[in-house]
């Protein structure tokens, strides 16, 4: 063996012997430290709650001490004391959660290693400190009941999964306004994952409305997390079964026309045991049927001599009476077919179907049930603002009409459009089935005449099943008849005629209004020109009349048109002339 090899061998022997003696001292001598106490959880996130981890230990004898925070593999993360002279006894340090480079290391378990320089000994604590910065992600799994009647208030039970080492806090949010408003707060118990809210806001039962529920929890490091993750709750974060609704009596009826003399069936929800009901035609004072009922169903027979028209079924079971629109085909039907937009009513119905605390409409949901009662027990806004005023005007002017609904046309449950002298779309028609859109265009091209009394219409498709409206499409730039339209709102303005080849404005001075909402034309179907054109802006008229093939289209240009028929003689005159064209 040469001399260099002998030297290396001697050094290895010395190192091995030294390690042996250090190990023996660790096993048989005094411990490096006594009573190492660590804060088990902390969160260096700056929220002033457990932002630092405390470390305490006792030294059996004084020494020059180095204290490190290390990973489970022994890799140093942060040096807390560097070769510091410490006396025998108790000592305290703290870690602010930063590594040597000033960054916060990843969430995980970190250990304290204490080295005694003069003794050449070191020890790492068996228990570590858990650094946690990620918030917990609780989740509400059920809210029951999903619906509460104002006639029989009940408590609401909420169940969630997630940490409960700190008392969870639940929020009750009313979602009718934007943003949602917290109306009640309930604090749960530690270790419990269920809480019950008494259903009261202050000293009163919560009013009718839709409500979302939130839960906010803290983990052992006091890092806070909520469900939904951001408060207040929003529709984009909503999940089915995490909210509830409160309402009085509601009722739902058929969305297709019923014949005079036929039996009408309605369902009544959340009513008291007994109720009163009555039926009257829109615009009439006298009721055509009345009676008393009980339970969840109402059935009655329409009078065989009932006139064609829109009727209201009123159900009174305590509190405000409920009104359900009913389309009836009976005597004195005319040649012009008036289409009631029940698909639009149900598609825009402000009802929470999936109990997430937010209303579901075809503008933001993939499907809605057809059997839903109308929100708040009242007819949809399009009924009172558009359909009822138009029918009252037609009846008052002695203008006869037949009546159906867009849902009945879409399902093919009524005779096809062919054979009608004219079609009047009585209100907003945002959704059509693809088949009905094709049928309407073919009807006009073959010589039919269509008048639209709504706005933002005929630009979206929707599917129809026996129970639902589904798969709505976004609004297209061009509607089903080939015209590019765009809704616009602004200050009050009159509609002024610039072209009137159809003579709609004869005797009116060419002005109608004022209105604040307009369905502006941004381009007629290819190959057509305006026969009548009127608006607040000549470049983008609202009221237009034009031909497609051998047929005629008239758009009245504002959803406020029908509501003005009782107050604006000019609007009434234009409507009569429109009806004359539809009746030819």
Protein backbone atom coordinates (compact mmCIF):
# COMPACT_ATOMS: atom_id res chain seq x y z
CA UNK A 1 0.00 0.00 0.00
CA UNK A 2 1.52 3.37 -1.04
CA UNK A 3 1.65 6.30 1.38
CA UNK A 4 -1.31 8.26 -0.10
CA UNK A 5 -3.57 5.24 0.21
CA UNK A 6 -2.46 4.80 3.82
CA UNK A 7 -3.41 8.41 4.60
CA UNK A 8 -6.90 8.02 3.09
CA UNK A 9 -7.45 4.81 5.04
CA UNK A 10 -6.40 6.49 8.29
CA UNK A 11 -8.84 9.38 7.73
CA UNK A 12 -11.71 6.98 7.09
CA UNK A 13 -10.95 5.15 10.30
CA UNK A 14 -10.90 8.41 12.28
CA UNK A 15 -14.23 9.53 10.75
CA UNK A 16 -15.85 6.19 11.46
CA UNK A 17 -14.62 6.16 15.05
CA UNK A 18 -15.77 9.78 15.50
CA UNK A 19 -19.24 8.99 14.18
CA UNK A 20 -19.39 5.99 16.47
CA UNK A 21 -18.64 8.08 19.53
CA UNK A 22 -21.17 10.80 18.52
CA UNK A 23 -23.85 8.15 18.02
CA UNK A 24 -23.06 6.63 21.40
CA UNK A 25 -23.31 10.00 23.09
CA UNK A 26 -26.70 10.60 21.46
CA UNK A 27 -27.91 7.23 22.66
CA UNK A 28 -26.48 7.20 26.17
CA UNK A 29 -25.82 10.86 27.05
CA UNK A 30 -28.11 13.76 27.75
CA UNK A 31 -30.59 14.66 25.01
CA UNK A 32 -29.67 17.56 22.71
CA UNK A 33 -32.75 19.47 23.85
CA UNK A 34 -35.57 18.87 26.29
CA UNK A 35 -39.26 19.53 25.75
CA UNK A 36 -39.23 20.72 22.14
CA UNK A 37 -42.65 22.39 21.71
CA UNK A 38 -43.89 23.39 18.27
CA UNK A 39 -46.97 25.13 16.93
CA UNK A 40 -48.57 22.41 14.86
CA UNK A 41 -50.34 24.59 12.25
CA UNK A 42 -49.76 28.06 10.88
CA UNK A 43 -50.56 30.12 7.79
CA UNK A 44 -48.12 32.86 6.77
CA UNK A 45 -50.64 34.62 4.53
CA UNK A 46 -50.75 38.02 6.21
CA UNK A 47 -54.25 37.77 7.68
CA UNK A 48 -52.87 38.21 11.24
CA UNK A 49 -54.15 34.82 12.29
CA UNK A 50 -51.45 32.23 12.96
CA UNK A 51 -49.06 34.08 10.68
CA UNK A 52 -46.01 32.85 12.68
CA UNK A 53 -45.08 29.44 14.11
CA UNK A 54 -43.73 29.43 17.66
CA UNK A 55 -40.90 27.13 18.67
CA UNK A 56 -39.81 26.50 22.27
CA UNK A 57 -37.17 24.19 23.76
CA UNK A 58 -34.99 23.64 26.85
CA UNK A 59 -31.20 23.25 26.68
CA UNK A 60 -29.73 20.90 29.31
CA UNK A 61 -26.52 22.99 29.15
CA UNK A 62 -25.33 26.09 27.33
CA UNK A 63 -23.78 25.83 23.87
CA UNK A 64 -23.37 27.54 20.56
CA UNK A 65 -26.62 26.64 18.83
CA UNK A 66 -27.86 26.59 15.25
CA UNK A 67 -31.60 26.16 14.63
CA UNK A 68 -32.89 25.25 11.17
CA UNK A 69 -36.26 24.53 9.62
CA UNK A 70 -35.84 21.52 7.35
CA UNK A 71 -37.89 19.30 5.08
CA UNK A 72 -38.67 15.68 5.87
CA UNK A 73 -35.56 14.78 3.87
CA UNK A 74 -33.35 17.07 5.98
CA UNK A 75 -32.94 19.84 3.39
CA UNK A 76 -32.65 23.24 5.02
CA UNK A 77 -35.47 25.70 4.32
CA UNK A 78 -34.77 28.49 6.80
CA UNK A 79 -32.04 29.18 9.38
CA UNK A 80 -33.57 30.72 12.49
CA UNK A 81 -30.41 30.91 14.65
CA UNK A 82 -26.85 30.72 13.33
CA UNK A 83 -24.16 29.62 15.80
CA UNK A 84 -25.80 31.65 18.56
CA UNK A 85 -24.55 31.40 22.15
CA UNK A 86 -27.48 30.15 24.23
CA UNK A 87 -27.44 29.47 27.95
CA UNK A 88 -28.87 26.50 29.75
CA UNK A 89 -32.65 26.68 30.12
CA UNK A 90 -35.76 27.69 28.21
CA UNK A 91 -35.63 29.44 24.81
CA UNK A 92 -38.21 30.68 22.32
CA UNK A 93 -38.03 31.33 18.59
CA UNK A 94 -40.58 31.86 15.85
CA UNK A 95 -40.73 31.23 12.12
CA UNK A 96 -42.50 33.71 9.86
CA UNK A 97 -43.05 31.09 7.16
CA UNK A 98 -40.41 32.42 4.82
CA UNK A 99 -37.52 30.45 3.36
CA UNK A 100 -33.97 31.78 3.33
CA UNK A 101 -34.65 33.43 -0.03
CA UNK A 102 -37.69 35.30 1.35
CA UNK A 103 -40.34 33.22 -0.41
CA UNK A 104 -43.05 31.15 1.23
CA UNK A 105 -42.25 27.45 0.69
CA UNK A 106 -44.90 25.04 -0.54
CA UNK A 107 -47.60 23.87 1.85
CA UNK A 108 -46.42 20.85 3.81
CA UNK A 109 -44.86 19.60 7.04
CA UNK A 110 -41.54 21.09 8.15
CA UNK A 111 -39.28 20.06 11.01
CA UNK A 112 -36.96 21.83 13.46
CA UNK A 113 -33.33 20.72 13.62
CA UNK A 114 -31.20 21.95 16.56
CA UNK A 115 -27.42 21.65 16.35
CA UNK A 116 -25.05 22.06 19.36
CA UNK A 117 -21.78 23.20 17.83
CA UNK A 118 -19.39 22.60 20.74
CA UNK A 119 -20.82 19.18 21.45
CA UNK A 120 -20.98 18.27 17.75
CA UNK A 121 -24.48 16.98 18.21
CA UNK A 122 -27.78 17.58 16.39
CA UNK A 123 -31.37 16.47 16.73
CA UNK A 124 -34.47 16.89 14.57
CA UNK A 125 -37.91 16.96 16.18
CA UNK A 126 -40.10 13.97 15.46
CA UNK A 127 -43.20 16.10 15.07
CA UNK A 128 -43.36 18.83 12.48
CA UNK A 129 -45.03 22.15 11.78
CA UNK A 130 -47.72 22.15 9.11
CA UNK A 131 -47.49 25.20 6.87
CA UNK A 132 -50.85 25.82 5.20
CA UNK A 133 -51.68 28.67 2.84
CA UNK A 134 -54.27 27.03 0.60
CA UNK A 135 -57.82 27.76 1.74
CA UNK A 136 -60.14 24.87 2.50
CA UNK A 137 -62.82 24.06 -0.06
CA UNK A 138 -66.03 23.21 1.78
CA UNK A 139 -69.02 22.09 -0.21
CA UNK A 140 -72.71 22.27 0.56
CA UNK A 141 -74.23 18.89 -0.26
CA UNK A 142 -77.89 19.50 0.58
CA UNK A 143 -80.38 22.18 1.54
CA UNK A 144 -83.82 20.98 2.54
CA UNK A 145 -86.59 21.59 1.94
CA UNK A 146 -86.01 23.01 -1.55
CA UNK A 147 -89.29 24.90 -1.42
CA UNK A 148 -91.21 26.46 1.45
CA UNK A 149 -94.76 27.75 1.41
CA UNK A 150 -95.48 31.09 3.04
CA UNK A 151 -98.62 29.42 4.39
CA UNK A 152 -96.57 26.88 6.34
CA UNK A 153 -93.09 28.26 7.19
CA UNK A 154 -90.49 25.61 7.98
CA UNK A 155 -86.85 25.61 9.15
CA UNK A 156 -84.12 24.98 6.59
CA UNK A 157 -81.45 22.32 7.19
CA UNK A 158 -78.05 22.68 5.54
CA UNK A 159 -75.43 19.94 5.34
CA UNK A 160 -71.86 20.44 4.16
CA UNK A 161 -68.53 18.64 3.91
CA UNK A 162 -65.26 20.29 4.91
CA UNK A 163 -63.34 21.19 8.07
CA UNK A 164 -65.27 22.10 11.18
CA UNK A 165 -62.48 22.49 13.73
CA UNK A 166 -63.62 26.10 13.95
CA UNK A 167 -67.34 26.88 14.10
CA UNK A 168 -68.64 27.15 10.52
CA UNK A 169 -70.60 30.25 9.52
CA UNK A 170 -73.57 29.94 7.16
CA UNK A 171 -75.02 32.78 5.11
CA UNK A 172 -78.59 33.03 3.80
CA UNK A 173 -78.61 35.24 0.67
CA UNK A 174 -81.64 36.62 -1.13
CA UNK A 175 -80.80 36.57 -4.82
CA UNK A 176 -83.48 38.76 -6.38
CA UNK A 177 -81.14 41.77 -6.37
CA UNK A 178 -77.66 42.10 -7.84
CA UNK A 179 -75.49 41.48 -5.97
CA UNK A 180 -77.22 38.99 -3.68
CA UNK A 181 -78.00 40.34 -0.22
CA UNK A 182 -77.17 38.46 2.99
CA UNK A 183 -80.34 38.40 5.08
CA UNK A 184 -79.36 35.98 7.83
CA UNK A 185 -76.24 34.44 9.38
CA UNK A 186 -76.15 31.16 11.31
CA UNK A 187 -73.12 29.87 13.22
CA UNK A 188 -72.74 26.11 13.48
CA UNK A 189 -71.01 23.98 16.10
CA UNK A 190 -67.45 22.70 16.08
CA UNK A 191 -67.26 19.17 14.77
CA UNK A 192 -70.76 19.39 13.28
CA UNK A 193 -71.56 19.43 9.55
CA UNK A 194 -75.26 20.26 9.78
CA UNK A 195 -77.03 23.43 10.80
CA UNK A 196 -80.67 24.47 10.92
CA UNK A 197 -81.94 27.97 10.17
CA UNK A 198 -85.31 28.86 11.65
CA UNK A 199 -86.50 30.55 8.45
CA UNK A 200 -86.79 33.97 10.04
CA UNK A 201 -85.21 37.29 9.22
CA UNK A 202 -85.14 39.17 12.46
CA UNK A 203 -88.44 38.37 14.11
CA UNK A 204 -90.42 37.76 10.90
CA UNK A 205 -90.67 34.78 8.56
CA UNK A 206 -88.55 35.24 5.44
CA UNK A 207 -90.59 36.68 2.55
CA UNK A 208 -91.19 35.09 -0.85
CA UNK A 209 -88.11 34.88 -3.02
CA UNK A 210 -85.15 32.77 -4.06
CA UNK A 211 -82.32 32.17 -1.61
CA UNK A 212 -78.76 30.84 -1.94
CA UNK A 213 -76.82 29.39 0.97
CA UNK A 214 -73.09 29.81 1.70
CA UNK A 215 -70.77 28.25 4.29
CA UNK A 216 -67.47 29.69 5.47
CA UNK A 217 -65.01 27.51 7.38
CA UNK A 218 -61.46 27.67 8.73
CA UNK A 219 -58.88 24.89 8.81
CA UNK A 220 -56.51 24.23 11.72
CA UNK A 221 -54.21 26.98 10.47
CA UNK A 222 -57.20 29.36 10.52
CA UNK A 223 -57.11 29.76 6.74
CA UNK A 224 -60.62 30.68 5.63
CA UNK A 225 -62.50 29.21 2.68
CA UNK A 226 -66.09 29.42 1.50
CA UNK A 227 -68.65 27.73 -0.65
CA UNK A 228 -69.18 29.26 -3.10
CA UNK A 229 -65.55 30.36 -3.27
CA UNK A 230 -66.44 34.02 -3.75
CA UNK A 231 -69.13 35.86 -1.84
CA UNK A 232 -71.76 37.02 -2.41
CA UNK A 233 -73.00 33.99 -4.38
CA UNK A 234 -73.47 34.44 -8.11
CA UNK A 235 -75.28 32.46 -10.78
CA UNK A 236 -71.98 31.39 -12.37
CA UNK A 237 -70.96 29.65 -9.14
CA UNK A 238 -74.37 28.20 -8.31
CA UNK A 239 -74.81 24.45 -7.89
CA UNK A 240 -78.11 22.55 -7.82
CA UNK A 241 -79.42 21.76 -4.36
CA UNK A 242 -77.59 24.60 -2.60
CA UNK A 243 -80.51 27.00 -2.32
CA UNK A 244 -84.23 27.14 -1.74
CA UNK A 245 -87.27 29.22 -2.62
CA UNK A 246 -90.20 30.60 -0.66
CA UNK A 247 -93.53 31.39 -2.26
CA UNK A 248 -97.22 31.58 -1.62
CA UNK A 249 -99.81 29.67 -3.58
CA UNK A 250 -98.83 28.96 -7.19
CA UNK A 251 -100.69 27.26 -10.00
CA UNK A 252 -99.85 26.09 -13.50
CA UNK A 253 -102.10 25.40 -16.45
CA UNK A 254 -101.94 24.37 -20.11
CA UNK A 255 -99.68 26.30 -22.49
CA UNK A 256 -101.69 25.22 -25.52
CA UNK A 257 -105.22 26.37 -26.38
CA UNK A 258 -108.22 24.55 -24.95
CA UNK A 259 -111.53 24.30 -26.78
CA UNK A 260 -114.78 25.73 -25.51
CA UNK A 261 -116.64 22.93 -23.74
CA UNK A 262 -113.43 21.01 -22.91
CA UNK A 263 -112.19 20.13 -19.43
CA UNK A 264 -109.37 22.32 -18.14
CA UNK A 265 -106.87 20.89 -15.63
CA UNK A 266 -104.53 22.92 -13.46
CA UNK A 267 -102.15 21.96 -10.68
CA UNK A 268 -102.16 24.01 -7.49
CA UNK A 269 -99.02 24.11 -5.37
CA UNK A 270 -98.41 25.26 -1.81
CA UNK A 271 -101.99 26.24 -1.21
CA UNK A 272 -103.97 25.72 1.95
CA UNK A 273 -106.30 22.77 2.17
CA UNK A 274 -109.15 24.56 0.43
CA UNK A 275 -109.30 27.36 -2.16
CA UNK A 276 -111.74 29.40 -4.23
CA UNK A 277 -111.43 29.77 -7.98
CA UNK A 278 -112.98 31.73 -10.81
CA UNK A 279 -112.57 32.16 -14.58
CA UNK A 280 -113.13 35.31 -16.61
CA UNK A 281 -112.26 36.47 -20.09
CA UNK A 282 -109.68 39.25 -20.47
CA UNK A 283 -111.50 42.55 -20.82
CA UNK A 284 -114.74 41.20 -19.32
CA UNK A 285 -116.04 41.83 -15.82
CA UNK A 286 -118.29 38.81 -15.53
CA UNK A 287 -116.84 35.44 -14.54
CA UNK A 288 -117.78 32.47 -16.69
CA UNK A 289 -117.06 29.84 -14.04
CA UNK A 290 -116.40 29.80 -10.30
CA UNK A 291 -116.21 27.31 -7.49
CA UNK A 292 -114.29 25.86 -4.55
CA UNK A 293 -111.60 23.23 -4.52
CA UNK A 294 -109.11 21.40 -2.32
CA UNK A 295 -105.82 19.61 -2.69
CA UNK A 296 -103.27 19.99 -5.48
CA UNK A 297 -105.53 19.81 -8.54
CA UNK A 298 -108.26 21.89 -10.12
CA UNK A 299 -110.45 20.69 -12.98
CA UNK A 300 -113.43 22.40 -14.56
CA UNK A 301 -115.29 22.49 -17.88
CA UNK A 302 -115.13 25.59 -20.04
CA UNK A 303 -118.61 26.75 -21.09
CA UNK A 304 -119.45 25.35 -24.56
CA UNK A 305 -120.42 28.83 -25.75
CA UNK A 306 -117.22 30.50 -24.52
CA UNK A 307 -115.79 33.11 -26.88
CA UNK A 308 -112.34 32.85 -28.40
CA UNK A 309 -109.91 34.80 -26.26
CA UNK A 310 -107.46 34.84 -23.42
CA UNK A 311 -108.87 34.02 -19.98
CA UNK A 312 -107.56 34.29 -16.43
CA UNK A 313 -108.09 31.51 -13.90
CA UNK A 314 -107.84 32.98 -10.42
CA UNK A 315 -107.11 30.77 -7.39
CA UNK A 316 -107.42 32.25 -3.90
CA UNK A 317 -106.04 30.24 -0.98
CA UNK A 318 -105.09 32.90 1.52
CA UNK A 319 -102.86 35.85 0.76
CA UNK A 320 -102.70 37.25 -2.76
CA UNK A 321 -104.78 35.34 -5.34
CA UNK A 322 -102.96 33.48 -8.09
CA UNK A 323 -103.76 34.17 -11.75
CA UNK A 324 -103.04 31.72 -14.56
CA UNK A 325 -103.55 32.70 -18.24
CA UNK A 326 -105.63 30.33 -20.35
CA UNK A 327 -105.92 30.40 -24.15
CA UNK A 328 -109.38 29.37 -25.37
CA UNK A 329 -110.59 28.69 -28.91
CA UNK A 330 -114.34 29.08 -29.06
CA UNK A 331 -117.06 30.95 -30.93
CA UNK A 332 -116.60 33.97 -33.18
CA UNK A 333 -113.14 33.00 -34.40
CA UNK A 334 -111.77 35.11 -37.25
CA UNK A 335 -109.51 34.41 -40.21
CA UNK A 336 -106.41 36.06 -38.73
CA UNK A 337 -104.52 33.77 -36.35
CA UNK A 338 -103.18 35.45 -33.22
CA UNK A 339 -100.21 33.55 -31.72
CA UNK A 340 -99.75 33.81 -27.96
CA UNK A 341 -96.03 33.44 -27.02
CA UNK A 342 -96.28 30.79 -24.28
CA UNK A 343 -92.80 29.43 -25.11
CA UNK A 344 -91.41 32.92 -24.52
CA UNK A 345 -93.35 33.20 -21.27
CA UNK A 346 -92.02 29.92 -19.95
CA UNK A 347 -88.53 30.46 -21.34
CA UNK A 348 -88.27 33.75 -19.46
CA UNK A 349 -90.13 32.56 -16.35
CA UNK A 350 -88.24 33.76 -13.24
CA UNK A 351 -88.38 30.46 -11.34
CA UNK A 352 -85.61 28.46 -9.65
CA UNK A 353 -85.96 24.92 -11.01
CA UNK A 354 -82.83 23.24 -9.63
CA UNK A 355 -82.85 24.75 -6.13
CA UNK A 356 -79.56 26.62 -6.52
CA UNK A 357 -81.03 29.89 -5.30
CA UNK A 358 -81.11 31.56 -8.73
CA UNK A 359 -83.82 31.76 -11.38
CA UNK A 360 -83.50 29.57 -14.46
CA UNK A 361 -84.43 30.98 -17.86
CA UNK A 362 -83.49 30.03 -21.40
CA UNK A 363 -81.19 33.03 -21.47
CA UNK A 364 -78.79 31.27 -19.11
CA UNK A 365 -79.94 27.64 -18.71
CA UNK A 366 -79.81 24.68 -21.07
CA UNK A 367 -83.40 23.64 -20.43
CA UNK A 368 -86.49 24.63 -18.49
CA UNK A 369 -89.58 22.56 -17.62
CA UNK A 370 -92.85 23.45 -19.33
CA UNK A 371 -94.93 22.68 -16.26
CA UNK A 372 -93.49 25.47 -14.09
CA UNK A 373 -95.95 27.81 -12.41
CA UNK A 374 -95.36 31.43 -13.32
CA UNK A 375 -93.23 33.33 -10.82
CA UNK A 376 -94.97 34.98 -7.87
CA UNK A 377 -98.33 33.50 -8.88
CA UNK A 378 -98.83 36.21 -11.49
CA UNK A 379 -99.18 36.05 -15.26
CA UNK A 380 -95.91 36.73 -17.11
CA UNK A 381 -95.12 40.36 -17.90
CA UNK A 382 -95.70 39.74 -21.61
CA UNK A 383 -99.30 38.85 -20.84
CA UNK A 384 -100.24 42.10 -19.14
CA UNK A 385 -98.05 44.37 -21.27
CA UNK A 386 -98.60 42.88 -24.72
CA UNK A 387 -101.14 40.09 -25.23
CA UNK A 388 -104.00 41.35 -23.05
CA UNK A 389 -103.91 44.96 -24.39
CA UNK A 390 -103.87 43.73 -27.99
CA UNK A 391 -106.82 41.37 -27.48
CA UNK A 392 -108.80 44.01 -25.60
CA UNK A 393 -108.23 46.40 -28.48
CA UNK A 394 -109.26 43.84 -31.11
CA UNK A 395 -112.41 42.97 -29.15
CA UNK A 396 -113.27 46.63 -28.63
CA UNK A 397 -112.78 47.38 -32.34
CA UNK A 398 -114.86 44.37 -33.38
CA UNK A 399 -111.87 42.75 -35.12
CA UNK A 400 -112.29 38.98 -35.06
CA UNK A 401 -109.41 36.57 -34.69
CA UNK A 402 -108.56 32.94 -34.07
CA UNK A 403 -106.17 32.10 -31.26
CA UNK A 404 -103.38 29.60 -30.62
CA UNK A 405 -99.96 29.46 -28.94
CA UNK A 406 -96.47 29.12 -30.33
CA UNK A 407 -96.04 25.88 -28.37
CA UNK A 408 -99.08 24.34 -30.06
CA UNK A 409 -97.74 25.38 -33.47
CA UNK A 410 -94.29 24.00 -32.67
CA UNK A 411 -95.78 20.65 -31.65
CA UNK A 412 -98.11 20.51 -34.65
CA UNK A 413 -101.16 20.28 -32.40
CA UNK A 414 -103.17 22.81 -34.44
CA UNK A 415 -103.81 23.11 -38.18
CA UNK A 416 -100.80 24.42 -40.14
CA UNK A 417 -100.35 28.07 -41.00
CA UNK A 418 -101.41 27.56 -44.60
CA UNK A 419 -104.98 28.69 -45.21
CA UNK A 420 -104.72 31.66 -42.85
CA UNK A 421 -105.05 35.12 -44.37
CA UNK A 422 -102.69 36.53 -41.78
CA UNK A 423 -100.65 35.70 -38.67
CA UNK A 424 -100.26 38.13 -35.77
CA UNK A 425 -97.43 37.40 -33.31
CA UNK A 426 -98.98 38.98 -30.24
CA UNK A 427 -95.79 39.61 -28.23
CA UNK A 428 -92.07 38.98 -27.98
CA UNK A 429 -91.09 35.72 -29.72
CA UNK A 430 -87.42 35.23 -28.84
CA UNK A 431 -87.49 31.44 -29.42
CA UNK A 432 -88.85 29.31 -32.25
CA UNK A 433 -88.25 25.68 -33.01
CA UNK A 434 -86.25 25.22 -36.24
CA UNK A 435 -89.29 23.55 -37.84
CA UNK A 436 -91.62 26.40 -36.95
CA UNK A 437 -89.10 28.94 -38.26
CA UNK A 438 -89.01 27.15 -41.61
CA UNK A 439 -92.81 26.91 -41.68
CA UNK A 440 -93.21 30.62 -40.98
CA UNK A 441 -90.78 31.62 -43.74
CA UNK A 442 -92.48 29.28 -46.21
CA UNK A 443 -95.90 30.67 -45.26
CA UNK A 444 -94.80 34.23 -46.05
CA UNK A 445 -92.99 33.31 -49.25
CA UNK A 446 -96.14 31.58 -50.52
CA UNK A 447 -98.22 34.74 -50.02
CA UNK A 448 -98.99 34.80 -46.30
CA UNK A 449 -98.99 37.94 -44.21
CA UNK A 450 -97.30 38.28 -40.82
CA UNK A 451 -97.38 41.10 -38.29
CA UNK A 452 -95.01 41.05 -35.31
CA UNK A 453 -96.03 43.05 -32.23
CA UNK A 454 -92.94 42.24 -30.13
CA UNK A 455 -89.21 42.86 -30.21
CA UNK A 456 -85.98 40.83 -30.20
CA UNK A 457 -88.04 38.16 -31.92
CA UNK A 458 -87.43 35.18 -34.21
CA UNK A 459 -83.65 35.24 -33.63
CA UNK A 460 -83.15 32.11 -31.48
CA UNK A 461 -83.94 28.44 -31.84
CA UNK A 462 -85.07 26.07 -29.11
CA UNK A 463 -85.99 22.40 -28.90
CA UNK A 464 -89.29 21.13 -27.52
CA UNK A 465 -90.03 17.83 -25.81
CA UNK A 466 -93.15 16.65 -24.04
CA UNK A 467 -91.89 18.21 -20.80
CA UNK A 468 -89.21 20.80 -21.57
CA UNK A 469 -87.78 23.57 -23.67
CA UNK A 470 -84.14 22.78 -24.28
CA UNK A 471 -80.93 23.61 -26.13
CA UNK A 472 -81.57 27.32 -26.79
CA UNK A 473 -79.24 29.00 -29.27
CA UNK A 474 -77.73 32.49 -28.95
CA UNK A 475 -79.43 35.34 -30.74
CA UNK A 476 -78.58 35.42 -34.43
CA UNK A 477 -77.94 38.67 -36.26
CA UNK A 478 -80.61 37.78 -38.84
CA UNK A 479 -84.06 36.60 -37.80
CA UNK A 480 -86.07 33.68 -39.20
CA UNK A 481 -87.48 35.87 -41.99
CA UNK A 482 -84.06 37.09 -43.12
CA UNK A 483 -84.07 40.56 -41.58
CA UNK A 484 -81.18 41.82 -39.43
CA UNK A 485 -82.56 43.40 -36.26
CA UNK A 486 -81.18 44.69 -32.96
CA UNK A 487 -83.05 45.83 -29.84
CA UNK A 488 -82.29 49.34 -28.62
CA UNK A 489 -83.30 51.35 -25.56
CA UNK A 490 -83.05 55.11 -25.22
CA UNK A 491 -84.84 58.31 -24.21
CA UNK A 492 -88.48 58.74 -25.27
CA UNK A 493 -88.83 59.28 -29.01
CA UNK A 494 -91.59 59.11 -31.59
CA UNK A 495 -91.68 56.81 -34.57
CA UNK A 496 -91.73 59.01 -37.67
CA UNK A 497 -92.70 57.60 -41.07
CA UNK A 498 -90.26 58.22 -43.92
CA UNK A 499 -91.85 55.83 -46.43
CA UNK A 500 -95.45 54.60 -46.31
CA UNK A 501 -96.29 52.66 -49.43
CA UNK A 502 -98.64 50.43 -47.40
CA UNK A 503 -100.64 53.43 -46.13
CA UNK A 504 -100.31 52.41 -42.48
CA UNK A 505 -99.86 56.00 -41.32
CA UNK A 506 -102.68 57.54 -43.35
CA UNK A 507 -104.51 60.09 -41.21
CA UNK A 508 -101.93 60.03 -38.40
CA UNK A 509 -99.56 62.78 -39.51
CA UNK A 510 -96.84 60.15 -39.79
CA UNK A 511 -95.93 60.14 -36.08
CA UNK A 512 -96.63 57.61 -33.32
CA UNK A 513 -95.20 57.61 -29.82
CA UNK A 514 -93.24 58.34 -27.80
CA UNK A 515 -91.54 55.02 -26.98
CA UNK A 516 -88.30 54.11 -25.24
CA UNK A 517 -87.61 50.63 -26.67
CA UNK A 518 -87.13 49.95 -30.36
CA UNK A 519 -86.41 46.88 -32.45
CA UNK A 520 -84.29 48.51 -35.12
CA UNK A 521 -83.80 47.14 -38.60
CA UNK A 522 -80.18 46.81 -39.71
CA UNK A 523 -80.87 45.20 -43.06
CA UNK A 524 -83.95 43.85 -44.86
CA UNK A 525 -83.96 40.39 -46.44
CA UNK A 526 -81.93 40.21 -49.62
CA UNK A 527 -83.83 41.45 -52.66
CA UNK A 528 -86.50 43.35 -50.74
CA UNK A 529 -87.15 47.04 -50.21
CA UNK A 530 -89.15 48.81 -47.53
CA UNK A 531 -92.75 49.53 -48.45
CA UNK A 532 -93.28 51.31 -45.14
CA UNK A 533 -90.47 52.55 -42.93
CA UNK A 534 -90.69 54.53 -39.69
CA UNK A 535 -88.52 55.11 -36.65
CA UNK A 536 -86.62 57.60 -34.59
CA UNK A 537 -83.67 57.04 -36.95
CA UNK A 538 -84.27 56.85 -40.70
CA UNK A 539 -81.12 54.77 -41.16
CA UNK A 540 -82.32 52.12 -38.69
CA UNK A 541 -86.14 52.17 -38.73
CA UNK A 542 -88.14 50.31 -36.13
CA UNK A 543 -91.52 49.91 -37.84
CA UNK A 544 -91.05 48.34 -41.27
CA UNK A 545 -93.21 46.65 -43.89
CA UNK A 546 -91.71 44.64 -46.77
CA UNK A 547 -92.42 41.73 -49.09
CA UNK A 548 -90.87 38.28 -49.09
CA UNK A 549 -91.87 36.40 -52.23
CA UNK A 550 -95.60 36.95 -52.62
CA UNK A 551 -96.10 37.59 -48.90
CA UNK A 552 -95.94 40.57 -46.58
CA UNK A 553 -94.17 41.22 -43.27
CA UNK A 554 -95.02 44.10 -40.92
CA UNK A 555 -92.98 44.69 -37.76
CA UNK A 556 -94.51 47.26 -35.43
CA UNK A 557 -91.04 47.90 -34.02
CA UNK A 558 -91.48 48.27 -30.25
CA UNK A 559 -92.63 45.99 -27.40
CA UNK A 560 -94.54 48.98 -26.03
CA UNK A 561 -96.87 49.18 -29.02
CA UNK A 562 -99.70 47.06 -27.63
CA UNK A 563 -99.66 48.88 -24.30
CA UNK A 564 -100.18 52.19 -26.09
CA UNK A 565 -103.31 51.10 -27.96
CA UNK A 566 -105.62 52.42 -25.26
CA UNK A 567 -103.94 55.83 -25.05
CA UNK A 568 -102.48 56.62 -28.49
CA UNK A 569 -105.09 57.04 -31.20
CA UNK A 570 -102.34 57.02 -33.83
CA UNK A 571 -101.12 53.58 -32.67
CA UNK A 572 -104.72 52.33 -32.76
CA UNK A 573 -105.16 53.64 -36.31
CA UNK A 574 -101.95 52.00 -37.57
CA UNK A 575 -103.03 48.72 -35.93
CA UNK A 576 -106.45 48.80 -37.64
CA UNK A 577 -104.79 49.34 -41.02
CA UNK A 578 -102.34 46.52 -40.27
CA UNK A 579 -105.27 44.25 -39.41
CA UNK A 580 -107.00 45.15 -42.66
CA UNK A 581 -103.93 43.96 -44.57
CA UNK A 582 -103.76 40.72 -42.53
CA UNK A 583 -107.45 40.02 -43.19
CA UNK A 584 -107.37 40.23 -46.99
